[in-house]
């Protein structure tokens, strides 16, 4: 495997001063790295919102321009404001991750290198679209999902597209590239899968229409599946593509609430049946059908990861 090429961001990161021995050990500790990485990425997620709010407060013209747009279903802000926020976050989060990796871990982060990124992202998107569509098809065949009509305006796709892009990039860097990766380095793949899945499900308790069952379902179906794909590829692009496609297809195509957030979609639908099958107002991510389907795919990917030697044992079981 050829080493990834050095980018301008890598070169600038290399100029960061190397901490002395004791500080180096402190900064290299897994807990320290987890805290610093999480704080930095959450800051990158929050800062664009603050910048847009400041622009609204300081520029009457900008505020008046945004006021001409409705607050779309699924967003707490006009669409152009959310588009600016998402663009700023995506543009900043990868350089910040790269800089922190070079400084704290003294390495070039291959998990976000551009080499092969397009191909891996497309594979992830195909898996996400296919898996979500398979779940909807099962619900359709058993009489739970039915189509009532469709939207005539393709601009309805902009809201789910932006929400899906924002969540996929931020959450996959945070939960897989940071939480899963750093925990795995010390405690091994199995514990890292469990920890990252539990945290991923737990944060969804804060979503609208959530419940303990919905959070557990998210942890099993998405936390394990996304962790498995990251284990197999050791890069973020396939999991970002999968996460993006799942959310976008669910909300943008089939009009189903995404993790409790209702949004417009191309298809207008009705859902009938028991809540443990349909997912209720949280959406099909709280459906037993989704849990079983995603668990089956995740199991297959984990088996493939083990066959390729991608499982890491905890530190107390490693050879000297």
Protein backbone atom coordinates (compact mmCIF):
# COMPACT_ATOMS: atom_id res chain seq x y z
CA UNK A 1 0.00 0.00 0.00
CA UNK A 2 1.38 3.36 -0.98
CA UNK A 3 1.47 6.03 1.73
CA UNK A 4 -1.11 8.81 1.29
CA UNK A 5 0.16 11.98 -0.30
CA UNK A 6 0.93 14.94 1.92
CA UNK A 7 -1.54 17.78 1.60
CA UNK A 8 -1.14 21.44 2.50
CA UNK A 9 -3.06 20.79 5.70
CA UNK A 10 -0.69 17.95 6.56
CA UNK A 11 2.30 20.19 5.95
CA UNK A 12 0.92 22.91 8.18
CA UNK A 13 0.13 20.35 10.86
CA UNK A 14 3.72 19.15 10.75
CA UNK A 15 4.83 22.61 11.87
CA UNK A 16 2.95 22.27 15.18
CA UNK A 17 5.43 22.03 18.06
CA UNK A 18 5.93 18.56 19.48
CA UNK A 19 5.14 18.55 23.22
CA UNK A 20 7.87 17.44 25.63
CA UNK A 21 7.91 13.91 27.06
CA UNK A 22 5.47 14.17 29.98
CA UNK A 23 3.03 16.34 28.05
CA UNK A 24 3.41 14.03 25.06
CA UNK A 25 2.32 11.06 27.19
CA UNK A 26 -0.60 13.03 28.59
CA UNK A 27 -1.81 14.15 25.18
CA UNK A 28 -1.36 10.67 23.76
CA UNK A 29 -3.46 9.02 26.46
CA UNK A 30 -6.70 7.57 25.00
CA UNK A 31 -8.94 9.53 27.37
CA UNK A 32 -7.17 12.81 26.58
CA UNK A 33 -7.43 12.18 22.86
CA UNK A 34 -11.11 11.28 23.14
CA UNK A 35 -11.88 14.48 25.04
CA UNK A 36 -9.88 16.74 22.71
CA UNK A 37 -11.15 15.16 19.49
CA UNK A 38 -14.78 15.25 20.66
CA UNK A 39 -14.51 18.83 21.91
CA UNK A 40 -12.95 19.97 18.64
CA UNK A 41 -15.47 18.23 16.37
CA UNK A 42 -18.46 19.37 18.42
CA UNK A 43 -17.01 22.88 18.28
CA UNK A 44 -16.79 22.64 14.49
CA UNK A 45 -20.44 21.55 14.42
CA UNK A 46 -21.64 24.38 16.68
CA UNK A 47 -19.49 27.27 15.43
CA UNK A 48 -21.21 27.66 12.01
CA UNK A 49 -24.57 28.10 13.77
CA UNK A 50 -23.06 30.85 15.91
CA UNK A 51 -21.52 32.52 12.87
CA UNK A 52 -24.82 32.55 11.00
CA UNK A 53 -26.62 33.89 14.07
CA UNK A 54 -23.99 36.62 14.38
CA UNK A 55 -24.40 37.50 10.70
CA UNK A 56 -28.15 37.78 11.18
CA UNK A 57 -27.67 40.05 14.19
CA UNK A 58 -25.06 42.25 12.48
CA UNK A 59 -26.50 42.44 8.98
CA UNK A 60 -30.11 43.62 8.55
CA UNK A 61 -29.85 42.85 4.84
CA UNK A 62 -28.84 39.24 5.49
CA UNK A 63 -31.62 38.89 8.08
CA UNK A 64 -34.18 40.30 5.65
CA UNK A 65 -32.98 37.96 2.91
CA UNK A 66 -33.35 34.89 5.14
CA UNK A 67 -36.77 36.10 6.30
CA UNK A 68 -38.01 35.63 2.75
CA UNK A 69 -37.65 31.86 3.08
CA UNK A 70 -40.02 29.65 5.08
CA UNK A 71 -38.81 27.46 7.91
CA UNK A 72 -38.98 24.12 6.19
CA UNK A 73 -40.34 20.99 7.84
CA UNK A 74 -37.49 19.20 9.58
CA UNK A 75 -35.35 22.34 10.02
CA UNK A 76 -35.22 24.95 12.75
CA UNK A 77 -33.90 27.53 10.28
CA UNK A 78 -34.58 28.72 6.71
CA UNK A 79 -33.06 26.43 4.10
CA UNK A 80 -30.29 28.85 2.95
CA UNK A 81 -29.11 29.31 6.56
CA UNK A 82 -28.91 25.57 7.11
CA UNK A 83 -27.11 25.14 3.77
CA UNK A 84 -24.48 27.69 4.86
CA UNK A 85 -24.10 25.97 8.23
CA UNK A 86 -23.67 22.55 6.61
CA UNK A 87 -21.17 23.80 4.02
CA UNK A 88 -19.04 25.51 6.67
CA UNK A 89 -19.07 22.43 8.91
CA UNK A 90 -18.12 20.01 6.14
CA UNK A 91 -15.37 22.33 4.88
CA UNK A 92 -13.82 22.70 8.34
CA UNK A 93 -14.23 19.34 10.02
CA UNK A 94 -11.79 17.32 7.92
CA UNK A 95 -8.86 19.79 8.24
CA UNK A 96 -9.50 20.05 11.99
CA UNK A 97 -9.50 16.25 12.31
CA UNK A 98 -6.30 16.04 10.26
CA UNK A 99 -4.53 18.68 12.33
CA UNK A 100 -5.49 17.02 15.60
CA UNK A 101 -4.38 13.62 14.35
CA UNK A 102 -1.00 14.94 13.27
CA UNK A 103 -0.52 16.74 16.59
CA UNK A 104 -1.91 14.24 19.09
CA UNK A 105 -1.08 10.97 17.33
CA UNK A 106 1.91 11.97 15.18
CA UNK A 107 0.53 10.33 12.03
CA UNK A 108 -1.16 11.09 8.74
CA UNK A 109 -4.83 10.02 9.05
CA UNK A 110 -5.35 7.48 6.29
CA UNK A 111 -8.96 7.03 7.43
CA UNK A 112 -9.86 10.38 5.82
CA UNK A 113 -7.40 10.42 2.93
CA UNK A 114 -8.91 11.25 -0.46
CA UNK A 115 -7.41 8.20 -2.15
CA UNK A 116 -10.31 5.95 -3.12
CA UNK A 117 -12.82 8.19 -1.33
CA UNK A 118 -15.25 8.50 -4.25
CA UNK A 119 -15.41 4.76 -4.91
CA UNK A 120 -15.87 3.91 -1.22
CA UNK A 121 -18.53 6.59 -0.76
CA UNK A 122 -20.48 5.29 -3.78
CA UNK A 123 -20.34 1.75 -2.37
CA UNK A 124 -21.66 3.03 0.95
CA UNK A 125 -24.45 4.96 -0.78
CA UNK A 126 -25.47 1.87 -2.75
CA UNK A 127 -25.60 -0.19 0.44
CA UNK A 128 -27.64 2.47 2.23
CA UNK A 129 -30.17 2.90 -0.57
CA UNK A 130 -30.50 -0.84 -1.07
CA UNK A 131 -30.88 -1.72 2.60
CA UNK A 132 -33.39 1.04 3.38
CA UNK A 133 -35.41 0.20 0.27
CA UNK A 134 -35.44 -3.48 1.23
CA UNK A 135 -36.90 -2.59 4.64
CA UNK A 136 -39.59 -0.39 3.07
CA UNK A 137 -40.39 -3.14 0.56
CA UNK A 138 -40.91 -5.64 3.38
CA UNK A 139 -43.21 -3.19 5.16
CA UNK A 140 -45.09 -2.64 1.89
CA UNK A 141 -45.52 -6.36 1.28
CA UNK A 142 -46.91 -6.99 4.76
CA UNK A 143 -49.34 -4.10 4.37
CA UNK A 144 -47.74 -1.57 6.72
CA UNK A 145 -46.44 0.98 4.20
CA UNK A 146 -48.59 2.37 1.40
CA UNK A 147 -48.08 5.20 -1.08
CA UNK A 148 -50.77 7.89 -1.18
CA UNK A 149 -49.21 10.22 -3.74
CA UNK A 150 -46.03 11.99 -4.72
CA UNK A 151 -44.58 15.49 -4.68
CA UNK A 152 -44.43 17.43 -7.94
CA UNK A 153 -41.61 19.71 -6.81
CA UNK A 154 -38.13 18.18 -6.63
CA UNK A 155 -36.96 21.00 -4.36
CA UNK A 156 -38.45 19.01 -1.46
CA UNK A 157 -35.28 16.93 -1.70
CA UNK A 158 -33.08 19.80 -0.49
CA UNK A 159 -34.13 19.55 3.16
CA UNK A 160 -33.46 15.81 3.61
CA UNK A 161 -30.29 16.11 1.50
CA UNK A 162 -28.80 18.78 3.78
CA UNK A 163 -29.90 17.06 6.99
CA UNK A 164 -28.48 13.74 5.78
CA UNK A 165 -25.16 15.28 4.71
CA UNK A 166 -24.73 17.17 7.97
CA UNK A 167 -25.49 14.16 10.16
CA UNK A 168 -23.46 11.68 8.12
CA UNK A 169 -20.22 13.67 8.07
CA UNK A 170 -20.32 14.88 11.67
CA UNK A 171 -21.59 11.71 13.32
CA UNK A 172 -19.33 9.31 11.44
CA UNK A 173 -16.20 11.29 12.25
CA UNK A 174 -17.28 11.58 15.89
CA UNK A 175 -18.59 8.06 16.54
CA UNK A 176 -16.48 5.92 14.22
CA UNK A 177 -13.25 7.80 13.39
CA UNK A 178 -12.88 9.07 16.97
CA UNK A 179 -14.87 7.06 19.52
CA UNK A 180 -14.72 3.62 17.89
CA UNK A 181 -11.12 3.97 16.70
CA UNK A 182 -9.62 5.22 19.95
CA UNK A 183 -11.52 2.77 22.17
CA UNK A 184 -10.57 -0.08 19.84
CA UNK A 185 -6.86 0.73 20.10
CA UNK A 186 -6.94 -0.09 23.83
CA UNK A 187 -9.95 -2.27 24.51
CA UNK A 188 -10.30 -4.11 21.20
CA UNK A 189 -12.89 -4.30 18.46
CA UNK A 190 -15.71 -6.01 20.38
CA UNK A 191 -15.77 -3.49 23.22
CA UNK A 192 -15.33 -0.58 20.78
CA UNK A 193 -18.35 -1.81 18.82
CA UNK A 194 -20.42 -2.05 21.98
CA UNK A 195 -19.35 1.34 23.37
CA UNK A 196 -19.77 3.26 20.11
CA UNK A 197 -23.15 1.62 19.42
CA UNK A 198 -24.44 2.43 22.93
CA UNK A 199 -23.34 6.06 22.67
CA UNK A 200 -24.80 6.33 19.17
CA UNK A 201 -28.14 4.97 20.34
CA UNK A 202 -28.04 7.03 23.51
CA UNK A 203 -27.74 10.38 21.78
CA UNK A 204 -30.88 9.57 19.80
CA UNK A 205 -32.86 9.60 23.04
CA UNK A 206 -32.79 13.38 22.63
CA UNK A 207 -34.56 13.21 19.26
CA UNK A 208 -38.26 14.03 18.86
CA UNK A 209 -40.66 11.12 19.45
CA UNK A 210 -37.84 8.97 20.80
CA UNK A 211 -38.10 6.19 23.36
CA UNK A 212 -35.85 3.69 25.08
CA UNK A 213 -36.82 1.08 22.51
CA UNK A 214 -36.00 3.46 19.65
CA UNK A 215 -32.58 4.22 21.14
CA UNK A 216 -31.83 0.51 21.60
CA UNK A 217 -32.96 -0.17 18.04
CA UNK A 218 -30.66 2.57 16.70
CA UNK A 219 -27.77 1.17 18.73
CA UNK A 220 -28.28 -2.33 17.32
CA UNK A 221 -29.20 -1.65 13.71
CA UNK A 222 -27.11 1.47 12.99
CA UNK A 223 -24.42 1.48 15.66
CA UNK A 224 -23.33 -2.08 14.93
CA UNK A 225 -23.77 -1.81 11.15
CA UNK A 226 -21.82 1.43 10.78
CA UNK A 227 -19.15 0.18 13.16
CA UNK A 228 -18.87 -3.04 11.17
CA UNK A 229 -18.41 -1.17 7.88
CA UNK A 230 -15.74 1.03 9.47
CA UNK A 231 -13.96 -2.09 10.79
CA UNK A 232 -13.96 -3.68 7.36
CA UNK A 233 -12.70 -0.61 5.48
CA UNK A 234 -10.77 1.22 8.25
CA UNK A 235 -11.87 4.47 6.57
CA UNK A 236 -14.77 6.89 6.94
CA UNK A 237 -16.00 7.17 3.36
CA UNK A 238 -18.15 4.04 3.10
CA UNK A 239 -19.81 4.71 6.47
CA UNK A 240 -20.46 8.34 5.53
CA UNK A 241 -22.01 7.20 2.25
CA UNK A 242 -24.11 4.55 3.99
CA UNK A 243 -25.29 6.94 6.72
CA UNK A 244 -26.09 9.68 4.19
CA UNK A 245 -27.97 7.38 1.82
CA UNK A 246 -29.97 5.75 4.61
CA UNK A 247 -31.23 9.07 5.98
CA UNK A 248 -31.77 10.70 2.59
CA UNK A 249 -33.62 7.73 1.11
CA UNK A 250 -35.75 7.32 4.22
CA UNK A 251 -36.83 10.96 4.41
CA UNK A 252 -36.26 12.33 0.91
CA UNK A 253 -37.61 9.44 -1.15
CA UNK A 254 -40.08 7.59 1.06
CA UNK A 255 -41.17 10.53 3.24
CA UNK A 256 -40.64 8.59 6.49
CA UNK A 257 -39.50 10.45 9.64
CA UNK A 258 -35.75 10.15 10.16
CA UNK A 259 -34.96 9.34 13.78
CA UNK A 260 -38.15 11.09 14.86
CA UNK A 261 -37.68 14.15 12.63
CA UNK A 262 -40.50 14.56 10.11
CA UNK A 263 -39.49 15.99 6.75
CA UNK A 264 -40.88 16.28 3.22
CA UNK A 265 -40.24 13.51 0.72
CA UNK A 266 -41.05 12.60 -2.86
CA UNK A 267 -43.62 10.04 -1.75
CA UNK A 268 -46.60 10.74 0.48
CA UNK A 269 -47.33 7.66 2.52
CA UNK A 270 -49.46 6.07 5.21
CA UNK A 271 -48.18 3.64 7.82
CA UNK A 272 -50.47 1.06 9.41
CA UNK A 273 -49.82 -1.67 11.92
CA UNK A 274 -48.38 -2.22 15.38
CA UNK A 275 -45.79 0.31 16.46
CA UNK A 276 -43.07 -2.29 17.03
CA UNK A 277 -43.34 -3.09 13.29
CA UNK A 278 -43.87 0.40 11.84
CA UNK A 279 -41.71 2.33 14.30
CA UNK A 280 -44.54 4.76 15.03
CA UNK A 281 -43.81 8.48 14.97
CA UNK A 282 -40.08 7.87 15.36
CA UNK A 283 -39.95 6.21 11.94
CA UNK A 284 -38.91 2.78 10.74
CA UNK A 285 -35.61 2.94 12.60
CA UNK A 286 -37.69 1.88 15.63
CA UNK A 287 -39.13 -1.06 13.68
CA UNK A 288 -38.27 -4.65 14.52
CA UNK A 289 -38.07 -5.29 10.77
CA UNK A 290 -35.25 -2.75 10.47
CA UNK A 291 -33.43 -4.16 13.49
CA UNK A 292 -33.48 -7.68 12.06
CA UNK A 293 -32.49 -6.63 8.53
CA UNK A 294 -29.59 -4.41 9.60
CA UNK A 295 -28.39 -6.91 12.20
CA UNK A 296 -28.20 -9.59 9.53
CA UNK A 297 -26.14 -7.39 7.22
CA UNK A 298 -23.93 -6.22 10.10
CA UNK A 299 -23.24 -9.83 11.09
CA UNK A 300 -22.12 -10.68 7.56
CA UNK A 301 -19.80 -7.67 7.44
CA UNK A 302 -18.32 -8.50 10.86
CA UNK A 303 -17.62 -12.05 9.70
CA UNK A 304 -15.86 -10.65 6.62
CA UNK A 305 -13.87 -8.28 8.84
CA UNK A 306 -12.73 -11.17 11.02
CA UNK A 307 -11.75 -13.25 7.99
CA UNK A 308 -9.62 -10.36 6.76
CA UNK A 309 -7.89 -9.97 10.11
CA UNK A 310 -9.53 -6.63 10.92
CA UNK A 311 -10.51 -7.54 14.49
CA UNK A 312 -8.25 -6.16 17.21
CA UNK A 313 -7.92 -7.92 20.56
CA UNK A 314 -7.99 -5.94 23.82
CA UNK A 315 -4.58 -4.96 25.17
CA UNK A 316 -4.58 -7.69 27.85
CA UNK A 317 -4.90 -10.44 25.21
CA UNK A 318 -2.25 -9.22 22.82
CA UNK A 319 1.04 -10.97 22.54
CA UNK A 320 4.18 -9.28 23.81
